[in-house]
Amino acid sequence: MKSRFRVVETHTMSIMHRYTIGQLAKAANVPASTIRYYERRGLVLPTSRSDGNYRLFDAEALGRLMFVRSAQSAGFTLSDIAELLLLREDRVAPCDEVQGLIASRLDQVVEQINHLEAVDGMLRDWLKVCKGAQRSGKCAVLIGLQSSKKKKCAKSKQTP
């Protein structure tokens, strides 16, 4: 009876393509370490193990991996992605929840843009100051940053 089961299992394995972690990494164009990390986070899980105890992944795992990478490129956190994966598996269209995640991510992007615009303005100002003070042989920006750091250190020492 065991040998019959084994033949069926081998036959099933040959019909459905299984990936080792290295093959899955190559198919998704990511390092194997990334897949191991996603596995620890529960985002991509092996479907079985080989006789040699290698983790085996199926086409669905490859699809999940591609989903994770796409969601990451849109700026979603791994926690958001885990939630999106759960919503994706739900049979009811979870549009409200997905829209909430997208709106939240969009708010974060707007905040990052505002921060980057402030940094852009600061760097442009520093560049002007630096160019203006270049003849003196002393970089006004470095002097300003140093005194700014001392002020911050003094403030932090006063606050317990």
N, C-alpha and C. Protein backbone atom coordinates (compact mmCIF):
# COMPACT_ATOMS: atom_id res chain seq x y z
N MET A 1 0.82 -1.19 0.00
CA MET A 1 0.00 0.00 0.00
C MET A 1 0.87 1.26 0.00
N LYS A 2 1.96 1.25 0.78
CA LYS A 2 2.84 2.41 0.82
C LYS A 2 3.44 2.69 -0.56
N SER A 3 3.87 1.65 -1.26
CA SER A 3 4.50 1.86 -2.56
C SER A 3 3.49 2.44 -3.55
N ARG A 4 2.23 2.03 -3.47
CA ARG A 4 1.21 2.57 -4.36
C ARG A 4 1.02 4.06 -4.09
N PHE A 5 0.96 4.43 -2.81
CA PHE A 5 0.83 5.84 -2.44
C PHE A 5 2.02 6.65 -2.94
N ARG A 6 3.19 6.08 -2.83
CA ARG A 6 4.40 6.76 -3.25
C ARG A 6 4.39 7.00 -4.75
N VAL A 7 3.93 6.04 -5.54
CA VAL A 7 3.85 6.19 -6.99
C VAL A 7 2.89 7.31 -7.34
N VAL A 8 1.74 7.37 -6.67
CA VAL A 8 0.75 8.42 -6.92
C VAL A 8 1.35 9.78 -6.56
N GLU A 9 2.05 9.84 -5.42
CA GLU A 9 2.65 11.09 -4.98
C GLU A 9 3.70 11.55 -6.01
N THR A 10 4.52 10.67 -6.48
CA THR A 10 5.54 11.01 -7.46
C THR A 10 4.89 11.47 -8.76
N HIS A 11 3.82 10.80 -9.16
CA HIS A 11 3.11 11.18 -10.37
C HIS A 11 2.52 12.59 -10.23
N THR A 12 1.92 12.88 -9.08
CA THR A 12 1.35 14.19 -8.83
C THR A 12 2.43 15.25 -8.84
N MET A 13 3.57 14.95 -8.24
CA MET A 13 4.67 15.91 -8.19
C MET A 13 5.17 16.23 -9.59
N SER A 14 5.17 15.26 -10.50
CA SER A 14 5.68 15.52 -11.83
C SER A 14 4.70 16.35 -12.65
N ILE A 15 3.39 16.25 -12.35
CA ILE A 15 2.39 17.03 -13.08
C ILE A 15 2.46 18.50 -12.64
N MET A 16 2.50 18.73 -11.33
CA MET A 16 2.54 20.09 -10.81
C MET A 16 4.00 20.50 -10.63
N HIS A 17 4.36 21.64 -11.18
CA HIS A 17 5.74 22.10 -11.06
C HIS A 17 6.01 22.58 -9.64
N ARG A 18 7.07 22.12 -9.07
CA ARG A 18 7.50 22.54 -7.74
C ARG A 18 8.84 23.24 -7.87
N TYR A 19 9.01 24.27 -7.07
CA TYR A 19 10.24 25.04 -7.08
C TYR A 19 10.99 24.83 -5.77
N THR A 20 12.27 24.65 -5.85
CA THR A 20 13.10 24.75 -4.65
C THR A 20 13.23 26.25 -4.38
N ILE A 21 13.77 26.60 -3.25
CA ILE A 21 13.90 28.02 -2.93
C ILE A 21 14.78 28.74 -3.96
N GLY A 22 15.83 28.07 -4.43
CA GLY A 22 16.71 28.66 -5.44
C GLY A 22 16.00 28.86 -6.76
N GLN A 23 15.19 27.88 -7.16
CA GLN A 23 14.44 27.99 -8.41
C GLN A 23 13.38 29.08 -8.31
N LEU A 24 12.73 29.16 -7.16
CA LEU A 24 11.72 30.20 -6.95
C LEU A 24 12.36 31.57 -6.98
N ALA A 25 13.51 31.70 -6.36
CA ALA A 25 14.24 32.97 -6.35
C ALA A 25 14.60 33.38 -7.77
N LYS A 26 15.06 32.44 -8.55
CA LYS A 26 15.43 32.73 -9.94
C LYS A 26 14.20 33.11 -10.76
N ALA A 27 13.10 32.40 -10.57
CA ALA A 27 11.86 32.68 -11.32
C ALA A 27 11.32 34.06 -10.99
N ALA A 28 11.49 34.51 -9.75
CA ALA A 28 10.98 35.81 -9.32
C ALA A 28 12.02 36.91 -9.38
N ASN A 29 13.25 36.54 -9.71
CA ASN A 29 14.36 37.50 -9.79
C ASN A 29 14.61 38.20 -8.45
N VAL A 30 14.64 37.41 -7.38
CA VAL A 30 14.94 37.92 -6.05
C VAL A 30 15.96 36.99 -5.39
N PRO A 31 16.70 37.46 -4.41
CA PRO A 31 17.62 36.58 -3.70
C PRO A 31 16.85 35.55 -2.86
N ALA A 32 17.43 34.40 -2.68
CA ALA A 32 16.82 33.36 -1.84
C ALA A 32 16.63 33.87 -0.41
N SER A 33 17.52 34.73 0.04
CA SER A 33 17.39 35.28 1.40
C SER A 33 16.10 36.08 1.55
N THR A 34 15.67 36.73 0.48
CA THR A 34 14.41 37.47 0.52
C THR A 34 13.25 36.51 0.72
N ILE A 35 13.27 35.40 0.02
CA ILE A 35 12.20 34.41 0.16
C ILE A 35 12.20 33.83 1.57
N ARG A 36 13.38 33.57 2.12
CA ARG A 36 13.46 33.06 3.49
C ARG A 36 12.87 34.06 4.48
N TYR A 37 13.17 35.34 4.25
CA TYR A 37 12.63 36.39 5.12
C TYR A 37 11.11 36.44 4.98
N TYR A 38 10.59 36.43 3.77
CA TYR A 38 9.14 36.43 3.55
C TYR A 38 8.50 35.19 4.18
N GLU A 39 9.21 34.09 4.13
CA GLU A 39 8.70 32.86 4.72
C GLU A 39 8.58 33.03 6.23
N ARG A 40 9.59 33.62 6.86
CA ARG A 40 9.53 33.86 8.31
C ARG A 40 8.37 34.79 8.66
N ARG A 41 8.06 35.73 7.77
CA ARG A 41 6.96 36.67 7.98
C ARG A 41 5.60 36.07 7.61
N GLY A 42 5.60 34.86 7.04
CA GLY A 42 4.35 34.20 6.67
C GLY A 42 3.75 34.68 5.37
N LEU A 43 4.53 35.40 4.57
CA LEU A 43 4.01 35.93 3.31
C LEU A 43 4.05 34.91 2.18
N VAL A 44 5.07 34.08 2.18
CA VAL A 44 5.23 33.01 1.18
C VAL A 44 5.61 31.75 1.94
N LEU A 45 4.85 30.69 1.71
CA LEU A 45 5.09 29.46 2.46
C LEU A 45 5.31 28.28 1.50
N PRO A 46 6.19 27.36 1.88
CA PRO A 46 6.38 26.17 1.05
C PRO A 46 5.13 25.30 1.14
N THR A 47 4.87 24.56 0.07
CA THR A 47 3.71 23.68 0.07
C THR A 47 4.06 22.28 0.55
N SER A 48 5.33 21.91 0.45
CA SER A 48 5.75 20.57 0.88
C SER A 48 7.26 20.55 1.02
N ARG A 49 7.77 19.36 1.27
CA ARG A 49 9.21 19.14 1.37
C ARG A 49 9.58 17.98 0.47
N SER A 50 10.77 18.05 -0.07
CA SER A 50 11.25 16.96 -0.93
C SER A 50 11.75 15.81 -0.06
N ASP A 51 12.11 14.72 -0.71
CA ASP A 51 12.68 13.59 0.03
C ASP A 51 13.97 14.01 0.74
N GLY A 52 14.68 14.96 0.15
CA GLY A 52 15.91 15.46 0.76
C GLY A 52 15.65 16.59 1.75
N ASN A 53 14.38 16.82 2.11
CA ASN A 53 13.94 17.82 3.07
C ASN A 53 14.11 19.26 2.57
N TYR A 54 14.19 19.46 1.27
CA TYR A 54 14.21 20.81 0.71
C TYR A 54 12.79 21.36 0.70
N ARG A 55 12.65 22.66 0.97
CA ARG A 55 11.35 23.29 0.88
C ARG A 55 10.93 23.32 -0.59
N LEU A 56 9.68 23.02 -0.86
CA LEU A 56 9.17 23.07 -2.23
C LEU A 56 8.01 24.05 -2.29
N PHE A 57 8.03 24.88 -3.31
CA PHE A 57 7.01 25.90 -3.51
C PHE A 57 6.29 25.61 -4.82
N ASP A 58 5.02 25.99 -4.88
CA ASP A 58 4.27 25.76 -6.11
C ASP A 58 4.05 27.08 -6.85
N ALA A 59 3.28 27.00 -7.94
CA ALA A 59 3.02 28.19 -8.76
C ALA A 59 2.27 29.26 -7.96
N GLU A 60 1.43 28.84 -7.03
CA GLU A 60 0.71 29.81 -6.20
C GLU A 60 1.69 30.61 -5.34
N ALA A 61 2.71 29.94 -4.83
CA ALA A 61 3.74 30.64 -4.03
C ALA A 61 4.48 31.65 -4.89
N LEU A 62 4.74 31.29 -6.15
CA LEU A 62 5.37 32.23 -7.07
C LEU A 62 4.46 33.43 -7.29
N GLY A 63 3.17 33.18 -7.45
CA GLY A 63 2.20 34.27 -7.61
C GLY A 63 2.15 35.17 -6.39
N ARG A 64 2.17 34.57 -5.19
CA ARG A 64 2.18 35.37 -3.96
C ARG A 64 3.46 36.20 -3.87
N LEU A 65 4.57 35.60 -4.23
CA LEU A 65 5.85 36.30 -4.20
C LEU A 65 5.82 37.51 -5.15
N MET A 66 5.28 37.32 -6.33
CA MET A 66 5.19 38.42 -7.29
C MET A 66 4.23 39.50 -6.77
N PHE A 67 3.15 39.09 -6.11
CA PHE A 67 2.21 40.03 -5.50
C PHE A 67 2.92 40.87 -4.44
N VAL A 68 3.70 40.20 -3.57
CA VAL A 68 4.43 40.89 -2.51
C VAL A 68 5.39 41.91 -3.11
N ARG A 69 6.13 41.52 -4.12
CA ARG A 69 7.09 42.44 -4.74
C ARG A 69 6.39 43.63 -5.39
N SER A 70 5.27 43.38 -6.05
CA SER A 70 4.52 44.47 -6.68
C SER A 70 3.98 45.44 -5.63
N ALA A 71 3.44 44.88 -4.54
CA ALA A 71 2.90 45.72 -3.48
C ALA A 71 4.01 46.53 -2.81
N GLN A 72 5.18 45.91 -2.65
CA GLN A 72 6.32 46.64 -2.08
C GLN A 72 6.74 47.79 -2.98
N SER A 73 6.72 47.56 -4.28
CA SER A 73 7.13 48.63 -5.19
C SER A 73 6.15 49.80 -5.15
N ALA A 74 4.91 49.55 -4.71
CA ALA A 74 3.93 50.62 -4.53
C ALA A 74 4.08 51.28 -3.17
N GLY A 75 5.03 50.78 -2.37
CA GLY A 75 5.32 51.41 -1.09
C GLY A 75 4.59 50.82 0.10
N PHE A 76 3.87 49.72 -0.09
CA PHE A 76 3.20 49.10 1.04
C PHE A 76 4.21 48.43 1.95
N THR A 77 3.95 48.48 3.24
CA THR A 77 4.80 47.80 4.21
C THR A 77 4.50 46.31 4.17
N LEU A 78 5.36 45.51 4.74
CA LEU A 78 5.11 44.08 4.77
C LEU A 78 3.88 43.75 5.61
N SER A 79 3.60 44.54 6.63
CA SER A 79 2.38 44.34 7.42
C SER A 79 1.15 44.62 6.56
N ASP A 80 1.21 45.71 5.78
CA ASP A 80 0.11 46.02 4.86
C ASP A 80 -0.07 44.88 3.85
N ILE A 81 1.03 44.38 3.35
CA ILE A 81 0.99 43.32 2.34
C ILE A 81 0.38 42.05 2.93
N ALA A 82 0.72 41.73 4.17
CA ALA A 82 0.12 40.56 4.82
C ALA A 82 -1.40 40.73 4.89
N GLU A 83 -1.83 41.94 5.22
CA GLU A 83 -3.27 42.21 5.27
C GLU A 83 -3.89 42.11 3.88
N LEU A 84 -3.21 42.65 2.88
CA LEU A 84 -3.71 42.57 1.51
C LEU A 84 -3.82 41.11 1.05
N LEU A 85 -2.85 40.30 1.42
CA LEU A 85 -2.90 38.88 1.06
C LEU A 85 -4.10 38.19 1.70
N LEU A 86 -4.38 38.54 2.95
CA LEU A 86 -5.56 37.97 3.61
C LEU A 86 -6.84 38.43 2.91
N LEU A 87 -6.89 39.70 2.55
CA LEU A 87 -8.06 40.23 1.86
C LEU A 87 -8.22 39.59 0.48
N ARG A 88 -7.10 39.31 -0.16
CA ARG A 88 -7.12 38.69 -1.49
C ARG A 88 -7.73 37.30 -1.43
N GLU A 89 -7.51 36.61 -0.32
CA GLU A 89 -8.02 35.26 -0.17
C GLU A 89 -9.50 35.23 0.21
N ASP A 90 -10.02 36.37 0.67
CA ASP A 90 -11.42 36.46 1.05
C ASP A 90 -12.30 36.33 -0.18
N ARG A 91 -13.41 35.64 -0.03
CA ARG A 91 -14.28 35.43 -1.19
C ARG A 91 -15.16 36.65 -1.46
N VAL A 92 -15.36 37.48 -0.47
CA VAL A 92 -16.15 38.70 -0.63
C VAL A 92 -15.20 39.82 -1.05
N ALA A 93 -15.64 40.64 -2.00
CA ALA A 93 -14.79 41.73 -2.48
C ALA A 93 -14.53 42.71 -1.33
N PRO A 94 -13.29 42.78 -0.86
CA PRO A 94 -12.94 43.63 0.29
C PRO A 94 -12.52 45.04 -0.12
N CYS A 95 -13.25 45.64 -1.04
CA CYS A 95 -12.83 46.92 -1.60
C CYS A 95 -12.66 48.01 -0.55
N ASP A 96 -13.56 48.07 0.44
CA ASP A 96 -13.44 49.12 1.45
C ASP A 96 -12.12 49.02 2.21
N GLU A 97 -11.75 47.81 2.58
CA GLU A 97 -10.50 47.62 3.32
C GLU A 97 -9.29 47.95 2.46
N VAL A 98 -9.32 47.52 1.21
CA VAL A 98 -8.20 47.81 0.30
C VAL A 98 -8.10 49.31 0.06
N GLN A 99 -9.23 49.95 -0.13
CA GLN A 99 -9.22 51.41 -0.33
C GLN A 99 -8.67 52.12 0.90
N GLY A 100 -8.99 51.61 2.08
CA GLY A 100 -8.45 52.20 3.32
C GLY A 100 -6.94 52.08 3.37
N LEU A 101 -6.41 50.92 3.00
CA LEU A 101 -4.95 50.73 2.98
C LEU A 101 -4.30 51.65 1.95
N ILE A 102 -4.93 51.77 0.79
CA ILE A 102 -4.38 52.63 -0.25
C ILE A 102 -4.40 54.09 0.20
N ALA A 103 -5.51 54.53 0.79
CA ALA A 103 -5.62 55.91 1.27
C ALA A 103 -4.56 56.19 2.34
N SER A 104 -4.36 55.24 3.24
CA SER A 104 -3.35 55.40 4.28
C SER A 104 -1.95 55.51 3.68
N ARG A 105 -1.66 54.65 2.72
CA ARG A 105 -0.35 54.69 2.06
C ARG A 105 -0.18 56.00 1.31
N LEU A 106 -1.24 56.47 0.67
CA LEU A 106 -1.18 57.73 -0.07
C LEU A 106 -0.89 58.90 0.88
N ASP A 107 -1.51 58.89 2.06
CA ASP A 107 -1.22 59.93 3.07
C ASP A 107 0.25 59.91 3.45
N GLN A 108 0.82 58.72 3.60
CA GLN A 108 2.24 58.60 3.94
C GLN A 108 3.11 59.14 2.81
N VAL A 109 2.73 58.86 1.57
CA VAL A 109 3.50 59.34 0.42
C VAL A 109 3.46 60.87 0.37
N VAL A 110 2.30 61.46 0.61
CA VAL A 110 2.19 62.92 0.61
C VAL A 110 3.08 63.51 1.71
N GLU A 111 3.08 62.87 2.87
CA GLU A 111 3.94 63.34 3.97
C GLU A 111 5.42 63.24 3.58
N GLN A 112 5.80 62.15 2.93
CA GLN A 112 7.19 61.98 2.49
C GLN A 112 7.55 63.03 1.44
N ILE A 113 6.63 63.31 0.54
CA ILE A 113 6.88 64.33 -0.49
C ILE A 113 7.10 65.69 0.17
N ASN A 114 6.25 66.02 1.14
CA ASN A 114 6.41 67.29 1.85
C ASN A 114 7.76 67.36 2.55
N HIS A 115 8.15 66.27 3.17
CA HIS A 115 9.46 66.22 3.84
C HIS A 115 10.58 66.39 2.82
N LEU A 116 10.49 65.68 1.70
CA LEU A 116 11.53 65.77 0.68
C LEU A 116 11.59 67.17 0.07
N GLU A 117 10.45 67.82 -0.08
CA GLU A 117 10.46 69.19 -0.59
C GLU A 117 11.17 70.13 0.40
N ALA A 118 10.95 69.90 1.70
CA ALA A 118 11.64 70.71 2.72
C ALA A 118 13.14 70.44 2.67
N VAL A 119 13.53 69.19 2.52
CA VAL A 119 14.95 68.84 2.42
C VAL A 119 15.54 69.46 1.16
N ASP A 120 14.80 69.42 0.06
CA ASP A 120 15.25 70.03 -1.19
C ASP A 120 15.54 71.52 -0.98
N GLY A 121 14.63 72.22 -0.33
CA GLY A 121 14.83 73.65 -0.08
C GLY A 121 16.04 73.90 0.80
N MET A 122 16.21 73.08 1.83
CA MET A 122 17.34 73.22 2.73
C MET A 122 18.66 73.00 1.99
N LEU A 123 18.72 71.96 1.18
CA LEU A 123 19.95 71.67 0.44
C LEU A 123 20.27 72.76 -0.57
N ARG A 124 19.26 73.29 -1.22
CA ARG A 124 19.49 74.38 -2.16
C ARG A 124 20.04 75.62 -1.44
N ASP A 125 19.48 75.91 -0.26
CA ASP A 125 19.97 77.05 0.54
C ASP A 125 21.42 76.82 0.95
N TRP A 126 21.72 75.61 1.39
CA TRP A 126 23.09 75.30 1.81
C TRP A 126 24.06 75.41 0.65
N LEU A 127 23.63 75.00 -0.51
CA LEU A 127 24.49 75.09 -1.68
C LEU A 127 24.83 76.55 -1.98
N LYS A 128 23.84 77.44 -1.88
CA LYS A 128 24.08 78.88 -2.09
C LYS A 128 25.06 79.41 -1.05
N VAL A 129 24.83 79.05 0.22
CA VAL A 129 25.71 79.51 1.31
C VAL A 129 27.13 79.00 1.07
N CYS A 130 27.25 77.75 0.70
CA CYS A 130 28.56 77.13 0.50
C CYS A 130 29.29 77.81 -0.66
N LYS A 131 28.59 78.07 -1.75
CA LYS A 131 29.21 78.72 -2.89
C LYS A 131 29.63 80.14 -2.54
N GLY A 132 28.81 80.83 -1.73
CA GLY A 132 29.12 82.19 -1.34
C GLY A 132 30.31 82.30 -0.40
N ALA A 133 30.53 81.31 0.43
CA ALA A 133 31.61 81.34 1.42
C ALA A 133 32.86 80.62 0.94
N GLN A 134 32.86 80.12 -0.27
CA GLN A 134 33.97 79.30 -0.77
C GLN A 134 35.29 80.06 -0.76
N ARG A 135 35.27 81.33 -1.06
CA ARG A 135 36.52 82.11 -1.14
C ARG A 135 37.18 82.27 0.22
N SER A 136 36.38 82.20 1.29
CA SER A 136 36.95 82.40 2.62
C SER A 136 37.79 81.21 3.06
N GLY A 137 37.61 80.08 2.41
CA GLY A 137 38.37 78.90 2.78
C GLY A 137 37.72 78.10 3.90
N LYS A 138 36.60 78.61 4.40
CA LYS A 138 35.87 77.89 5.44
C LYS A 138 34.47 77.63 4.92
N CYS A 139 34.05 76.41 5.07
CA CYS A 139 32.73 76.04 4.60
C CYS A 139 31.69 76.43 5.65
N ALA A 140 30.88 77.40 5.31
CA ALA A 140 29.87 77.89 6.25
C ALA A 140 28.85 76.81 6.60
N VAL A 141 28.59 75.93 5.69
CA VAL A 141 27.62 74.87 5.96
C VAL A 141 28.17 73.91 7.02
N LEU A 142 29.42 73.50 6.89
CA LEU A 142 30.00 72.61 7.88
C LEU A 142 30.07 73.27 9.25
N ILE A 143 30.42 74.55 9.27
CA ILE A 143 30.46 75.29 10.54
C ILE A 143 29.05 75.38 11.12
N GLY A 144 28.07 75.67 10.26
CA GLY A 144 26.68 75.76 10.71
C GLY A 144 26.16 74.43 11.21
N LEU A 145 26.48 73.35 10.53
CA LEU A 145 26.04 72.03 10.96
C LEU A 145 26.67 71.66 12.29
N GLN A 146 27.94 72.01 12.47
CA GLN A 146 28.62 71.68 13.71
C GLN A 146 27.99 72.45 14.87
N SER A 147 27.73 73.75 14.69
CA SER A 147 27.13 74.52 15.78
C SER A 147 25.70 74.08 16.02
N SER A 148 25.00 73.66 14.96
CA SER A 148 23.64 73.15 15.10
C SER A 148 23.64 71.86 15.91
N LYS A 149 24.64 71.02 15.67
CA LYS A 149 24.76 69.75 16.40
C LYS A 149 25.05 70.02 17.87
N LYS A 150 25.91 71.00 18.15
CA LYS A 150 26.24 71.33 19.54
C LYS A 150 24.99 71.82 20.26
N LYS A 151 24.18 72.64 19.59
CA LYS A 151 22.95 73.15 20.20
C LYS A 151 22.01 72.00 20.51
N LYS A 152 21.88 71.06 19.57
CA LYS A 152 21.00 69.92 19.79
C LYS A 152 21.51 69.06 20.94
N CYS A 153 22.83 68.86 21.01
CA CYS A 153 23.42 68.06 22.09
C CYS A 153 23.20 68.74 23.44
N ALA A 154 23.35 70.05 23.47
CA ALA A 154 23.14 70.79 24.73
C ALA A 154 21.70 70.68 25.16
N LYS A 155 20.75 70.77 24.22
CA LYS A 155 19.34 70.65 24.54
C LYS A 155 19.03 69.25 25.06
N SER A 156 19.60 68.25 24.41
CA SER A 156 19.31 66.88 24.83
C SER A 156 19.91 66.56 26.20
N LYS A 157 21.03 67.22 26.55
CA LYS A 157 21.64 66.99 27.86
C LYS A 157 20.78 67.61 28.96
N GLN A 158 20.09 68.72 28.63
CA GLN A 158 19.26 69.37 29.62
C GLN A 158 17.98 68.56 29.89
N THR A 159 17.49 67.90 28.89
CA THR A 159 16.25 67.14 29.05
C THR A 159 16.60 65.74 29.57
N PRO A 160 16.02 65.33 30.69
CA PRO A 160 16.36 64.01 31.25
C PRO A 160 15.78 62.90 30.40
